[in-house]
Amino acid sequence: MYICSNCKQLVKAKIKCYRTVIETREKEYPLRPKIYFGYILRGGKKIRSYRWRDRRDDPGGKGREVSKEVNLCPDCVLKKDL
């Protein structure tokens, strides 16, 4: 059971909830050095290395992330009157 964010109706159990993205924002992620474990080849197999010098960097970058999201009932999704 949930309350629809658009029509404010209480929706019965076992009826699908549609999560709809309303707003997104730009986000810049910084470089993070030596975060991920590295891998080495030993005997033809790839093995995880726990040594600090074998770790890899996370390059960071730019992207978009969700800033606002709403729950909608099936009727409001068909109407699309947000």
N, C-alpha and C. Protein backbone atom coordinates (compact mmCIF):
# COMPACT_ATOMS: atom_id res chain seq x y z
N MET A 1 0.84 -1.18 0.00
CA MET A 1 0.00 0.00 0.00
C MET A 1 0.88 1.24 0.00
N TYR A 2 0.44 2.25 -0.72
CA TYR A 2 1.17 3.52 -0.78
C TYR A 2 0.20 4.63 -1.16
N ILE A 3 0.66 5.86 -0.98
CA ILE A 3 -0.14 7.02 -1.35
C ILE A 3 0.46 7.62 -2.61
N CYS A 4 -0.38 7.82 -3.62
CA CYS A 4 0.06 8.41 -4.88
C CYS A 4 0.45 9.87 -4.64
N SER A 5 1.58 10.29 -5.15
CA SER A 5 2.06 11.65 -4.96
C SER A 5 1.28 12.67 -5.78
N ASN A 6 0.60 12.22 -6.81
CA ASN A 6 -0.13 13.14 -7.68
C ASN A 6 -1.59 13.32 -7.23
N CYS A 7 -2.33 12.23 -7.09
CA CYS A 7 -3.75 12.33 -6.76
C CYS A 7 -4.03 12.15 -5.26
N LYS A 8 -3.02 11.83 -4.47
CA LYS A 8 -3.13 11.68 -3.01
C LYS A 8 -4.10 10.59 -2.58
N GLN A 9 -4.31 9.59 -3.42
CA GLN A 9 -5.18 8.47 -3.11
C GLN A 9 -4.37 7.34 -2.48
N LEU A 10 -4.98 6.62 -1.55
CA LEU A 10 -4.36 5.43 -0.98
C LEU A 10 -4.58 4.28 -1.96
N VAL A 11 -3.50 3.68 -2.43
CA VAL A 11 -3.58 2.62 -3.43
C VAL A 11 -3.55 1.28 -2.72
N LYS A 12 -4.38 0.35 -3.16
CA LYS A 12 -4.49 -0.96 -2.52
C LYS A 12 -3.20 -1.76 -2.65
N ALA A 13 -3.12 -2.79 -1.85
CA ALA A 13 -1.95 -3.67 -1.88
C ALA A 13 -1.88 -4.43 -3.20
N LYS A 14 -0.69 -4.81 -3.58
CA LYS A 14 -0.38 -5.60 -4.78
C LYS A 14 -0.66 -4.86 -6.08
N ILE A 15 -0.75 -3.53 -6.04
CA ILE A 15 -0.87 -2.73 -7.26
C ILE A 15 0.46 -2.03 -7.44
N LYS A 16 0.99 -2.11 -8.64
CA LYS A 16 2.34 -1.63 -8.91
C LYS A 16 2.49 -0.13 -8.68
N CYS A 17 3.61 0.23 -8.07
CA CYS A 17 3.96 1.62 -7.83
C CYS A 17 4.97 2.04 -8.90
N TYR A 18 4.70 3.12 -9.59
CA TYR A 18 5.59 3.61 -10.63
C TYR A 18 6.39 4.78 -10.08
N ARG A 19 7.70 4.61 -9.94
CA ARG A 19 8.57 5.68 -9.46
C ARG A 19 9.02 6.48 -10.67
N THR A 20 8.68 7.77 -10.68
CA THR A 20 8.96 8.63 -11.81
C THR A 20 9.92 9.74 -11.40
N VAL A 21 10.94 9.96 -12.21
CA VAL A 21 11.93 11.00 -11.94
C VAL A 21 11.37 12.35 -12.36
N ILE A 22 11.40 13.31 -11.44
CA ILE A 22 10.90 14.65 -11.70
C ILE A 22 12.05 15.61 -11.98
N GLU A 23 13.12 15.55 -11.19
CA GLU A 23 14.26 16.45 -11.34
C GLU A 23 15.56 15.67 -11.29
N THR A 24 16.53 16.14 -12.06
CA THR A 24 17.89 15.60 -11.99
C THR A 24 18.85 16.77 -11.84
N ARG A 25 20.08 16.48 -11.47
CA ARG A 25 21.08 17.53 -11.33
C ARG A 25 22.42 17.03 -11.82
N GLU A 26 23.26 17.96 -12.23
CA GLU A 26 24.63 17.64 -12.65
C GLU A 26 25.46 17.38 -11.40
N LYS A 27 26.33 16.41 -11.47
CA LYS A 27 27.19 16.07 -10.34
C LYS A 27 28.58 15.77 -10.87
N GLU A 28 29.59 16.26 -10.19
CA GLU A 28 30.98 15.97 -10.56
C GLU A 28 31.61 15.16 -9.45
N TYR A 29 32.16 14.02 -9.82
CA TYR A 29 32.77 13.13 -8.85
C TYR A 29 34.29 13.27 -8.93
N PRO A 30 34.96 13.44 -7.78
CA PRO A 30 36.41 13.66 -7.79
C PRO A 30 37.19 12.37 -8.03
N LEU A 31 38.45 12.53 -8.40
CA LEU A 31 39.37 11.40 -8.55
C LEU A 31 39.62 10.81 -7.17
N ARG A 32 39.58 9.48 -7.07
CA ARG A 32 39.89 8.81 -5.80
C ARG A 32 41.02 7.83 -6.05
N PRO A 33 42.22 8.15 -5.59
CA PRO A 33 43.36 7.29 -5.85
C PRO A 33 43.38 6.03 -4.98
N LYS A 34 43.82 4.94 -5.56
CA LYS A 34 44.05 3.66 -4.88
C LYS A 34 42.83 3.16 -4.11
N ILE A 35 41.69 3.11 -4.78
CA ILE A 35 40.45 2.67 -4.15
C ILE A 35 40.17 1.18 -4.41
N TYR A 36 40.28 0.77 -5.65
CA TYR A 36 39.90 -0.60 -6.03
C TYR A 36 41.08 -1.56 -5.93
N PHE A 37 40.77 -2.79 -5.54
CA PHE A 37 41.80 -3.82 -5.50
C PHE A 37 42.27 -4.14 -6.91
N GLY A 38 43.54 -4.42 -7.04
CA GLY A 38 44.07 -4.80 -8.33
C GLY A 38 44.06 -6.32 -8.49
N TYR A 39 44.36 -6.78 -9.68
CA TYR A 39 44.42 -8.21 -9.96
C TYR A 39 45.77 -8.53 -10.57
N ILE A 40 46.28 -9.70 -10.25
CA ILE A 40 47.54 -10.16 -10.83
C ILE A 40 47.30 -11.52 -11.46
N LEU A 41 48.13 -11.87 -12.42
CA LEU A 41 48.04 -13.19 -13.04
C LEU A 41 49.02 -14.12 -12.35
N ARG A 42 48.51 -15.25 -11.89
CA ARG A 42 49.36 -16.24 -11.25
C ARG A 42 48.96 -17.61 -11.77
N GLY A 43 49.84 -18.22 -12.52
CA GLY A 43 49.54 -19.53 -13.07
C GLY A 43 48.40 -19.52 -14.07
N GLY A 44 48.24 -18.42 -14.80
CA GLY A 44 47.18 -18.31 -15.79
C GLY A 44 45.84 -17.92 -15.21
N LYS A 45 45.77 -17.71 -13.88
CA LYS A 45 44.53 -17.33 -13.24
C LYS A 45 44.62 -15.88 -12.76
N LYS A 46 43.50 -15.20 -12.80
CA LYS A 46 43.42 -13.83 -12.32
C LYS A 46 43.09 -13.87 -10.82
N ILE A 47 43.98 -13.35 -9.98
CA ILE A 47 43.82 -13.40 -8.54
C ILE A 47 43.79 -11.99 -7.98
N ARG A 48 42.90 -11.73 -7.04
CA ARG A 48 42.80 -10.40 -6.41
C ARG A 48 44.04 -10.18 -5.53
N SER A 49 44.62 -9.02 -5.70
CA SER A 49 45.80 -8.66 -4.93
C SER A 49 45.41 -7.68 -3.84
N TYR A 50 45.82 -7.97 -2.60
CA TYR A 50 45.50 -7.09 -1.48
C TYR A 50 46.65 -6.14 -1.15
N ARG A 51 47.69 -6.15 -1.97
CA ARG A 51 48.82 -5.25 -1.71
C ARG A 51 48.45 -3.83 -2.15
N TRP A 52 48.93 -2.86 -1.40
CA TRP A 52 48.61 -1.46 -1.64
C TRP A 52 49.11 -0.99 -3.01
N ARG A 53 50.28 -1.44 -3.42
CA ARG A 53 50.85 -0.97 -4.68
C ARG A 53 50.09 -1.47 -5.91
N ASP A 54 49.30 -2.54 -5.75
CA ASP A 54 48.55 -3.10 -6.88
C ASP A 54 47.15 -2.48 -7.03
N ARG A 55 46.78 -1.59 -6.14
CA ARG A 55 45.45 -1.00 -6.21
C ARG A 55 45.31 -0.06 -7.40
N ARG A 56 44.06 0.10 -7.87
CA ARG A 56 43.77 0.95 -9.03
C ARG A 56 43.00 2.19 -8.59
N ASP A 57 43.02 3.23 -9.44
CA ASP A 57 42.36 4.49 -9.15
C ASP A 57 40.93 4.49 -9.68
N ASP A 58 40.07 5.26 -9.01
CA ASP A 58 38.74 5.55 -9.52
C ASP A 58 38.85 6.89 -10.24
N PRO A 59 38.59 6.94 -11.55
CA PRO A 59 38.84 8.17 -12.29
C PRO A 59 37.88 9.31 -12.00
N GLY A 60 36.75 9.06 -11.35
CA GLY A 60 35.77 10.13 -11.11
C GLY A 60 35.07 10.48 -12.39
N GLY A 61 34.65 11.75 -12.54
CA GLY A 61 34.01 12.19 -13.77
C GLY A 61 32.76 12.99 -13.50
N LYS A 62 32.00 13.22 -14.56
CA LYS A 62 30.76 13.98 -14.48
C LYS A 62 29.59 13.08 -14.77
N GLY A 63 28.43 13.45 -14.23
CA GLY A 63 27.24 12.66 -14.50
C GLY A 63 26.00 13.36 -14.00
N ARG A 64 24.88 12.67 -14.10
CA ARG A 64 23.62 13.21 -13.61
C ARG A 64 23.09 12.25 -12.56
N GLU A 65 22.47 12.82 -11.50
CA GLU A 65 21.85 11.99 -10.49
C GLU A 65 20.45 12.50 -10.19
N VAL A 66 19.61 11.61 -9.68
CA VAL A 66 18.22 11.94 -9.40
C VAL A 66 18.16 12.82 -8.15
N SER A 67 17.43 13.94 -8.23
CA SER A 67 17.27 14.79 -7.06
C SER A 67 15.84 14.73 -6.52
N LYS A 68 14.86 14.41 -7.38
CA LYS A 68 13.48 14.29 -6.91
C LYS A 68 12.77 13.20 -7.70
N GLU A 69 12.05 12.36 -6.95
CA GLU A 69 11.37 11.22 -7.54
C GLU A 69 10.03 11.06 -6.82
N VAL A 70 8.99 10.68 -7.54
CA VAL A 70 7.66 10.53 -6.93
C VAL A 70 7.09 9.14 -7.21
N ASN A 71 6.16 8.72 -6.33
CA ASN A 71 5.43 7.46 -6.50
C ASN A 71 4.10 7.77 -7.16
N LEU A 72 3.80 7.08 -8.26
CA LEU A 72 2.54 7.30 -8.97
C LEU A 72 1.76 6.00 -9.09
N CYS A 73 0.44 6.14 -9.08
CA CYS A 73 -0.43 4.99 -9.29
C CYS A 73 -0.57 4.76 -10.80
N PRO A 74 -1.07 3.60 -11.23
CA PRO A 74 -1.21 3.33 -12.67
C PRO A 74 -2.11 4.32 -13.40
N ASP A 75 -3.14 4.83 -12.75
CA ASP A 75 -4.04 5.81 -13.40
C ASP A 75 -3.31 7.10 -13.70
N CYS A 76 -2.51 7.60 -12.76
CA CYS A 76 -1.78 8.86 -12.97
C CYS A 76 -0.68 8.71 -14.02
N VAL A 77 -0.11 7.52 -14.12
CA VAL A 77 0.92 7.29 -15.14
C VAL A 77 0.29 7.37 -16.53
N LEU A 78 -0.92 6.82 -16.68
CA LEU A 78 -1.60 6.88 -17.98
C LEU A 78 -2.02 8.28 -18.34
N LYS A 79 -2.42 9.06 -17.34
CA LYS A 79 -2.84 10.45 -17.59
C LYS A 79 -1.63 11.35 -17.89
N LYS A 80 -0.52 11.11 -17.21
CA LYS A 80 0.72 11.89 -17.37
C LYS A 80 0.48 13.38 -17.16
N ASP A 81 -0.24 13.72 -16.11
CA ASP A 81 -0.49 15.14 -15.81
C ASP A 81 0.27 15.54 -14.53
N LEU A 82 1.56 15.54 -14.61
CA LEU A 82 2.38 15.89 -13.44
C LEU A 82 2.47 17.38 -13.27
